[in-house]
C-alpha atoms as a PDB file:
ATOM      1  CA  PHE A   1      -0.214  -0.038   0.054  1.00  0.00           C
ATOM      2  CA  ARG A   2       0.979   3.489  -0.765  1.00  0.00           C
ATOM      3  CA  SER A   3       1.224   5.847   2.161  1.00  0.00           C
ATOM      4  CA  LEU A   4      -1.047   8.826   2.334  1.00  0.00           C
ATOM      5  CA  PRO A   5       0.567  12.178   1.872  1.00  0.00           C
ATOM      6  CA  SER A   6       1.098  14.107   4.760  1.00  0.00           C
ATOM      7  CA  LEU A   7      -0.601  17.320   5.869  1.00  0.00           C
ATOM      8  CA  GLU A   8       2.164  19.680   4.322  1.00  0.00           C
ATOM      9  CA  GLN A   9       2.223  17.714   1.135  1.00  0.00           C
ATOM     10  CA  SER A  10      -1.602  18.015   0.984  1.00  0.00           C
ATOM     11  CA  ARG A  11      -1.364  21.931   1.546  1.00  0.00           C
ATOM     12  CA  LEU A  12       1.483  22.021  -1.240  1.00  0.00           C
ATOM     13  CA  ILE A  13      -0.647  20.242  -3.852  1.00  0.00           C
ATOM     14  CA  ILE A  14      -3.779  22.309  -3.126  1.00  0.00           C
ATOM     15  CA  LEU A  15      -1.651  25.706  -3.418  1.00  0.00           C
ATOM     16  CA  LEU A  16      -0.217  24.346  -6.944  1.00  0.00           C
ATOM     17  CA  LEU A  17      -3.716  23.419  -7.913  1.00  0.00           C
ATOM     18  CA  SER A  18      -4.993  26.897  -6.973  1.00  0.00           C
ATOM     19  CA  ILE A  19      -2.394  28.714  -8.753  1.00  0.00           C
ATOM     20  CA  LEU A  20      -2.942  26.548 -12.157  1.00  0.00           C
ATOM     21  CA  PHE A  21      -6.705  27.259 -11.839  1.00  0.00           C
ATOM     22  CA  ILE A  22      -6.278  30.867 -11.541  1.00  0.00           C
ATOM     23  CA  SER A  23      -3.858  31.071 -14.305  1.00  0.00           C
ATOM     24  CA  GLY A  24      -6.188  29.349 -16.719  1.00  0.00           C
ATOM     25  CA  CYS A  25      -9.293  31.720 -15.721  1.00  0.00           C
ATOM     26  CA  LEU A  26      -7.436  34.887 -16.342  1.00  0.00           C
ATOM     27  CA  PRO A  27      -7.934  36.524 -19.815  1.00  0.00           C
ATOM     28  CA  THR A  28      -4.789  36.723 -21.866  1.00  0.00           C
ATOM     29  CA  PRO A  29      -4.246  40.129 -23.160  1.00  0.00           C
ATOM     30  CA  ALA A  30      -5.542  40.530 -26.713  1.00  0.00           C
ATOM     31  CA  THR A  31      -3.106  41.413 -29.577  1.00  0.00           C
ATOM     32  CA  PRO A  32      -3.808  45.101 -30.637  1.00  0.00           C
ATOM     33  CA  TYR A  33      -5.162  45.607 -34.075  1.00  0.00           C
ATOM     34  CA  PRO A  34      -2.842  47.752 -36.231  1.00  0.00           C
ATOM     35  CA  THR A  35      -3.587  51.500 -35.994  1.00  0.00           C
ATOM     36  CA  ILE A  36      -5.446  52.873 -39.341  1.00  0.00           C
ATOM     37  CA  PRO A  37      -4.556  56.443 -40.068  1.00  0.00           C
ATOM     38  CA  PRO A  38      -7.800  58.546 -40.480  1.00  0.00           C
ATOM     39  CA  LEU A  39      -8.875  59.382 -44.050  1.00  0.00           C
ATOM     40  CA  PRO A  40      -7.976  62.835 -45.123  1.00  0.00           C
ATOM     41  CA  VAL A  41     -10.752  65.275 -44.909  1.00  0.00           C
ATOM     42  CA  LYS A  42     -11.452  66.762 -48.261  1.00  0.00           C
ATOM     43  CA  PRO A  43     -11.463  70.670 -48.224  1.00  0.00           C
ATOM     44  CA  THR A  44     -14.987  72.095 -48.554  1.00  0.00           C
ATOM     45  CA  SER A  45     -15.356  74.395 -51.723  1.00  0.00           C
ATOM     46  CA  THR A  46     -16.687  77.915 -51.052  1.00  0.00           C
ATOM     47  CA  PRO A  47     -20.172  77.905 -52.302  1.00  0.00           C
ATOM     48  CA  VAL A  48     -20.542  80.131 -55.542  1.00  0.00           C
ATOM     49  CA  PRO A  49     -23.487  82.571 -55.067  1.00  0.00           C
ATOM     50  CA  PHE A  50     -26.329  82.093 -57.884  1.00  0.00           C
ATOM     51  CA  VAL A  51     -26.218  85.053 -60.123  1.00  0.00           C
ATOM     52  CA  THR A  52     -29.208  85.980 -62.249  1.00  0.00           C
ATOM     53  CA  SER A  53     -28.805  88.207 -65.011  1.00  0.00           C
ATOM     54  CA  THR A  54     -30.915  91.291 -65.129  1.00  0.00           C
ATOM     55  CA  ALA A  55     -32.013  92.890 -68.431  1.00  0.00           C
ATOM     56  CA  PRO A  56     -30.749  96.665 -68.730  1.00  0.00           C
ATOM     57  CA  PRO A  57     -33.210  99.303 -67.533  1.00  0.00           C
ATOM     58  CA  GLU A  58     -35.678 100.368 -70.269  1.00  0.00           C
ATOM     59  CA  ILE A  59     -34.657 103.569 -71.737  1.00  0.00           C
ATOM     60  CA  VAL A  60     -37.675 106.108 -71.413  1.00  0.00           C
ATOM     61  CA  PRO A  61     -37.397 108.962 -73.918  1.00  0.00           C
ATOM     62  CA  LYS A  62     -37.635 112.507 -72.935  1.00  0.00           C
ATOM     63  CA  PHE A  63     -39.608 113.157 -76.364  1.00  0.00           C
ATOM     64  CA  ILE A  64     -40.666 110.980 -79.008  1.00  0.00           C
ATOM     65  CA  TYR A  65     -40.712 112.658 -82.610  1.00  0.00           C
ATOM     66  CA  TYR A  66     -42.059 111.568 -85.753  1.00  0.00           C
ATOM     67  CA  VAL A  67     -40.844 111.828 -89.360  1.00  0.00           C
ATOM     68  CA  ASP A  68     -43.161 110.697 -92.396  1.00  0.00           C
ATOM     69  CA  PRO A  69     -41.562 110.980 -95.831  1.00  0.00           C
ATOM     70  CA  VAL A  70     -45.023 111.087 -97.448  1.00  0.00           C
ATOM     71  CA  ASN A  71     -47.385 112.798 -95.215  1.00  0.00           C
ATOM     72  CA  GLY A  72     -45.037 115.029 -93.214  1.00  0.00           C
ATOM     73  CA  SER A  73     -43.737 118.576 -93.468  1.00  0.00           C
ATOM     74  CA  ASP A  74     -40.490 120.127 -91.880  1.00  0.00           C
ATOM     75  CA  SER A  75     -42.743 123.006 -90.703  1.00  0.00           C
ATOM     76  CA  ASN A  76     -44.670 120.703 -88.530  1.00  0.00           C
ATOM     77  CA  MET A  77     -43.934 120.282 -84.788  1.00  0.00           C
ATOM     78  CA  GLY A  78     -42.691 116.558 -85.151  1.00  0.00           C
ATOM     79  CA  THR A  79     -45.751 115.172 -83.437  1.00  0.00           C
ATOM     80  CA  GLN A  80     -47.444 111.830 -84.452  1.00  0.00           C
ATOM     81  CA  ASP A  81     -50.412 113.937 -85.696  1.00  0.00           C
ATOM     82  CA  GLN A  82     -47.871 116.722 -87.211  1.00  0.00           C
ATOM     83  CA  PRO A  83     -44.795 114.760 -88.289  1.00  0.00           C
ATOM     84  CA  TRP A  84     -41.613 116.091 -89.772  1.00  0.00           C
ATOM     85  CA  GLN A  85     -40.853 114.948 -93.660  1.00  0.00           C
ATOM     86  CA  THR A  86     -37.235 114.486 -93.419  1.00  0.00           C
ATOM     87  CA  ILE A  87     -34.316 112.919 -91.337  1.00  0.00           C
ATOM     88  CA  ASP A  88     -32.543 116.254 -91.970  1.00  0.00           C
ATOM     89  CA  ARG A  89     -35.100 118.202 -89.740  1.00  0.00           C
ATOM     90  CA  ALA A  90     -34.693 115.527 -87.021  1.00  0.00           C
ATOM     91  CA  VAL A  91     -31.064 115.577 -86.678  1.00  0.00           C
ATOM     92  CA  ALA A  92     -30.932 119.227 -86.590  1.00  0.00           C
ATOM     93  CA  SER A  93     -33.531 119.339 -83.635  1.00  0.00           C
ATOM     94  CA  VAL A  94     -33.351 116.279 -81.264  1.00  0.00           C
ATOM     95  CA  THR A  95     -31.317 116.460 -77.898  1.00  0.00           C
ATOM     96  CA  ALA A  96     -30.225 114.244 -75.238  1.00  0.00           C
ATOM     97  CA  GLY A  97     -32.960 111.627 -74.408  1.00  0.00           C
ATOM     98  CA  ASP A  98     -35.021 112.153 -77.540  1.00  0.00           C
ATOM     99  CA  LYS A  99     -36.341 109.401 -79.662  1.00  0.00           C
ATOM    100  CA  VAL A 100     -37.262 109.803 -83.536  1.00  0.00           C
ATOM    101  CA  MET A 101     -39.880 107.196 -84.879  1.00  0.00           C
ATOM    102  CA  LEU A 102     -39.319 106.976 -88.608  1.00  0.00           C
ATOM    103  CA  ARG A 103     -42.493 106.114 -90.561  1.00  0.00           C
ATOM    104  CA  GLY A 104     -42.285 103.410 -93.511  1.00  0.00           C
ATOM    105  CA  GLY A 105     -41.114 104.679 -96.810  1.00  0.00           C
ATOM    106  CA  VAL A 106     -37.983 105.688 -98.749  1.00  0.00           C
ATOM    107  CA  TYR A 107     -35.586 108.335 -97.345  1.00  0.00           C
ATOM    108  CA  PHE A 108     -33.082 109.831 -99.871  1.00  0.00           C
ATOM    109  CA  THR A 109     -29.644 110.650 -98.356  1.00  0.00           C
ATOM    110  CA  ILE A 110     -28.201 114.307 -98.654  1.00  0.00           C
ATOM    111  CA  PHE A 111     -24.647 115.509 -99.558  1.00  0.00           C
ATOM    112  CA  GLY A 112     -22.411 115.255 -96.735  1.00  0.00           C
ATOM    113  CA  GLY A 113     -24.954 112.782 -94.827  1.00  0.00           C
ATOM    114  CA  TRP A 114     -27.212 113.463 -91.789  1.00  0.00           C
ATOM    115  CA  VAL A 115     -25.043 114.994 -88.967  1.00  0.00           C
ATOM    116  CA  LEU A 116     -26.515 115.209 -85.383  1.00  0.00           C
ATOM    117  CA  GLN A 117     -26.019 118.681 -84.143  1.00  0.00           C
ATOM    118  CA  ASN A 118     -26.412 117.617 -80.305  1.00  0.00           C
ATOM    119  CA  THR A 119     -25.097 114.772 -78.285  1.00  0.00           C
ATOM    120  CA  GLY A 120     -26.870 112.120 -76.242  1.00  0.00           C
ATOM    121  CA  LEU A 121     -25.725 111.136 -72.716  1.00  0.00           C
ATOM    122  CA  ARG A 122     -25.110 107.758 -71.072  1.00  0.00           C
ATOM    123  CA  GLN A 123     -28.460 107.640 -69.432  1.00  0.00           C
ATOM    124  CA  GLN A 124     -30.125 109.803 -72.216  1.00  0.00           C
ATOM    125  CA  PRO A 125     -29.271 108.641 -75.728  1.00  0.00           C
ATOM    126  CA  ILE A 126     -30.618 109.884 -78.807  1.00  0.00           C
ATOM    127  CA  THR A 127     -32.343 107.200 -80.662  1.00  0.00           C
ATOM    128  CA  PHE A 128     -33.593 106.578 -84.206  1.00  0.00           C
ATOM    129  CA  THR A 129     -35.894 103.627 -84.833  1.00  0.00           C
ATOM    130  CA  ASN A 130     -38.589 102.448 -87.333  1.00  0.00           C
ATOM    131  CA  TYR A 131     -42.209 102.759 -86.393  1.00  0.00           C
ATOM    132  CA  PRO A 132     -43.550  99.280 -85.375  1.00  0.00           C
ATOM    133  CA  GLY A 133     -44.309  97.111 -88.440  1.00  0.00           C
ATOM    134  CA  GLU A 134     -43.157  99.607 -90.932  1.00  0.00           C
ATOM    135  CA  GLN A 135     -40.032  99.270 -92.899  1.00  0.00           C
ATOM    136  CA  VAL A 136     -37.686 102.194 -93.518  1.00  0.00           C
ATOM    137  CA  VAL A 137     -35.557 102.249 -96.533  1.00  0.00           C
ATOM    138  CA  ILE A 138     -32.573 104.721 -96.634  1.00  0.00           C
ATOM    139  CA  GLN A 139     -31.744 105.197-100.188  1.00  0.00           C
ATOM    140  CA  ILE A 140     -28.109 106.247-100.944  1.00  0.00           C
ATOM    141  CA  ALA A 141     -28.906 109.134-103.401  1.00  0.00           C
ATOM    142  CA  SER A 142     -25.756 108.915-105.461  1.00  0.00           C
ATOM    143  CA  LYS A 143     -22.637 106.623-105.822  1.00  0.00           C
ATOM    144  CA  ASP A 144     -20.477 109.664-104.757  1.00  0.00           C
ATOM    145  CA  PHE A 145     -18.969 108.616-101.065  1.00  0.00           C
ATOM    146  CA  GLU A 146     -20.313 112.204 -99.888  1.00  0.00           C
ATOM    147  CA  TYR A 147     -23.970 110.834-100.051  1.00  0.00           C
ATOM    148  CA  ARG A 148     -23.620 108.583 -96.970  1.00  0.00           C
ATOM    149  CA  ALA A 149     -26.427 108.144 -94.392  1.00  0.00           C
ATOM    150  CA  PHE A 150     -25.143 109.265 -91.026  1.00  0.00           C
ATOM    151  CA  ARG A 151     -21.861 110.945 -90.235  1.00  0.00           C
ATOM    152  CA  CYS A 152     -20.307 112.030 -87.176  1.00  0.00           C
ATOM    153  CA  TRP A 153     -16.562 112.977 -87.328  1.00  0.00           C
ATOM    154  CA  ALA A 154     -14.751 114.410 -84.355  1.00  0.00           C
ATOM    155  CA  ALA A 155     -11.043 113.334 -85.085  1.00  0.00           C
ATOM    156  CA  PRO A 156      -8.661 116.345 -84.337  1.00  0.00           C
ATOM    157  CA  LEU A 157      -5.813 115.331 -86.574  1.00  0.00           C
ATOM    158  CA  ASP A 158      -8.141 115.457 -89.377  1.00  0.00           C
ATOM    159  CA  PRO A 159      -8.808 118.456 -91.472  1.00  0.00           C
ATOM    160  CA  ASP A 160     -10.934 120.958 -90.197  1.00  0.00           C
ATOM    161  CA  THR A 161     -13.364 120.616 -93.096  1.00  0.00           C
ATOM    162  CA  TRP A 162     -14.033 116.974 -92.119  1.00  0.00           C
ATOM    163  CA  GLN A 163     -14.969 117.823 -88.604  1.00  0.00           C
ATOM    164  CA  THR A 164     -18.741 117.637 -87.433  1.00  0.00           C
ATOM    165  CA  PRO A 165     -20.199 118.303 -83.861  1.00  0.00           C
ATOM    166  CA  LYS A 166     -19.173 115.250 -81.553  1.00  0.00           C
ATOM    167  CA  ALA A 167     -22.195 113.551 -81.067  1.00  0.00           C
ATOM    168  CA  ASP A 168     -22.056 110.389 -78.535  1.00  0.00           C
ATOM    169  CA  PHE A 169     -24.507 107.929 -77.140  1.00  0.00           C
ATOM    170  CA  ILE A 170     -26.561 107.510 -80.547  1.00  0.00           C
ATOM    171  CA  ARG A 171     -28.630 104.548 -81.243  1.00  0.00           C
ATOM    172  CA  ILE A 172     -29.975 103.591 -84.602  1.00  0.00           C
ATOM    173  CA  ILE A 173     -31.969 100.563 -83.794  1.00  0.00           C
ATOM    174  CA  GLY A 174     -34.135  98.755 -86.432  1.00  0.00           C
ATOM    175  CA  THR A 175     -37.229  96.350 -85.090  1.00  0.00           C
ATOM    176  CA  ASP A 176     -38.034  93.485 -87.342  1.00  0.00           C
ATOM    177  CA  VAL A 177     -41.166  93.706 -89.658  1.00  0.00           C
ATOM    178  CA  GLU A 178     -42.841  91.422 -92.252  1.00  0.00           C
ATOM    179  CA  GLU A 179     -40.291  90.263 -94.968  1.00  0.00           C
ATOM    180  CA  ARG A 180     -40.367  92.644 -97.875  1.00  0.00           C
ATOM    181  CA  GLU A 181     -38.417  92.465-101.292  1.00  0.00           C
ATOM    182  CA  GLN A 182     -36.284  95.146-102.078  1.00  0.00           C
ATOM    183  CA  VAL A 183     -35.509  96.949-105.420  1.00  0.00           C
ATOM    184  CA  ASN A 184     -32.292  94.690-105.814  1.00  0.00           C
ATOM    185  CA  GLY A 185     -34.255  91.475-105.238  1.00  0.00           C
ATOM    186  CA  VAL A 186     -33.113  90.918-101.729  1.00  0.00           C
ATOM    187  CA  LYS A 187     -35.448  89.975 -99.046  1.00  0.00           C
ATOM    188  CA  SER A 188     -35.342  91.841 -95.680  1.00  0.00           C
ATOM    189  CA  ARG A 189     -37.155  91.559 -92.384  1.00  0.00           C
ATOM    190  CA  LYS A 190     -35.177  94.436 -90.687  1.00  0.00           C
ATOM    191  CA  GLY A 191     -36.958  97.567 -89.862  1.00  0.00           C
ATOM    192  CA  ILE A 192     -34.269  99.748 -91.473  1.00  0.00           C
ATOM    193  CA  VAL A 193     -33.004  99.103 -94.565  1.00  0.00           C
ATOM    194  CA  ILE A 194     -29.717 101.191 -95.867  1.00  0.00           C
ATOM    195  CA  MET A 195     -29.600 100.817 -99.647  1.00  0.00           C
ATOM    196  CA  GLY A 196     -26.763 101.736-101.981  1.00  0.00           C
ATOM    197  CA  GLU A 197     -26.957 102.078-105.736  1.00  0.00           C
ATOM    198  CA  ARG A 198     -27.093  98.682-107.441  1.00  0.00           C
ATOM    199  CA  GLY A 199     -23.607  97.427-108.299  1.00  0.00           C
ATOM    200  CA  GLU A 200     -21.919 100.198-106.261  1.00  0.00           C
ATOM    201  CA  GLN A 201     -20.345 100.154-102.638  1.00  0.00           C
ATOM    202  CA  SER A 202     -21.897 103.405-101.390  1.00  0.00           C
ATOM    203  CA  ALA A 203     -20.886 104.628 -97.771  1.00  0.00           C
ATOM    204  CA  GLY A 204     -23.299 103.843 -95.113  1.00  0.00           C
ATOM    205  CA  ILE A 205     -22.568 105.017 -91.599  1.00  0.00           C
ATOM    206  CA  GLU A 206     -19.461 106.914 -91.109  1.00  0.00           C
ATOM    207  CA  VAL A 207     -18.242 107.671 -87.528  1.00  0.00           C
ATOM    208  CA  ALA A 208     -14.660 108.654 -86.212  1.00  0.00           C
ATOM    209  CA  GLY A 209     -14.074 110.202 -82.609  1.00  0.00           C
ATOM    210  CA  CYS A 210     -17.644 109.942 -81.794  1.00  0.00           C
ATOM    211  CA  ASP A 211     -18.286 107.409 -78.908  1.00  0.00           C
ATOM    212  CA  ASN A 212     -21.020 104.913 -77.953  1.00  0.00           C
ATOM    213  CA  TRP A 213     -22.922 104.460 -81.168  1.00  0.00           C
ATOM    214  CA  GLU A 214     -25.238 101.386 -81.112  1.00  0.00           C
ATOM    215  CA  ILE A 215     -26.314 100.091 -84.430  1.00  0.00           C
ATOM    216  CA  ALA A 216     -28.671  97.074 -84.763  1.00  0.00           C
ATOM    217  CA  GLY A 217     -31.401  95.669 -86.559  1.00  0.00           C
ATOM    218  CA  ILE A 218     -30.343  97.206 -89.886  1.00  0.00           C
ATOM    219  CA  ASP A 219     -29.698  95.477 -93.371  1.00  0.00           C
ATOM    220  CA  PHE A 220     -26.850  96.960 -95.357  1.00  0.00           C
ATOM    221  CA  LEU A 221     -27.452  96.485 -99.159  1.00  0.00           C
ATOM    222  CA  GLU A 222     -24.955  97.445-101.896  1.00  0.00           C
ATOM    223  CA  VAL A 223     -23.188  99.609 -99.085  1.00  0.00           C
ATOM    224  CA  GLY A 224     -19.415  99.250 -98.062  1.00  0.00           C
END
């Protein structure tokens, strides 16, 4: 028979078993995961303000004058009921802020061209336009370049005989009309047609040293 363990041996065995038991129950430290660097923060773009385009303010004329090559007279007051007859009369009379409505028909140019005697202003331009729905034909009266339509020449280095009053802020604007066939066979929907002699390159509008002329809605035919 094997002898039973002594008391001291029993205590030592119990102590060893306790140590082994405690060691097996304690959690082992976890292996740390690798550190992942944070994603870079994208820079935020500055919001662009939404800009809406605005139409230019409507130009309100100071006075409206009328010219009628058939039923007008240059001795009239230039009103709708009493229109002038020629553009000559209009360019000699209008001032800043005025508007000239040209009734439909043919207007023959003059020697030297129509020369404005007064200037417009930025907020008060001088405007020439066709009467709504009516087509204006400015007929160059001669193949001579002196029979141009409009002329403004304010170039100090040129001879004095070339000079005219300096007229700035002038608008010659045609509005569309029903298409019409011209004498040279060309069809035009423009409210203002500047027509030269057939087969010739006549002068149309001549401007030098006069600022802020706005030309639109015009057909130039047989004109250089």
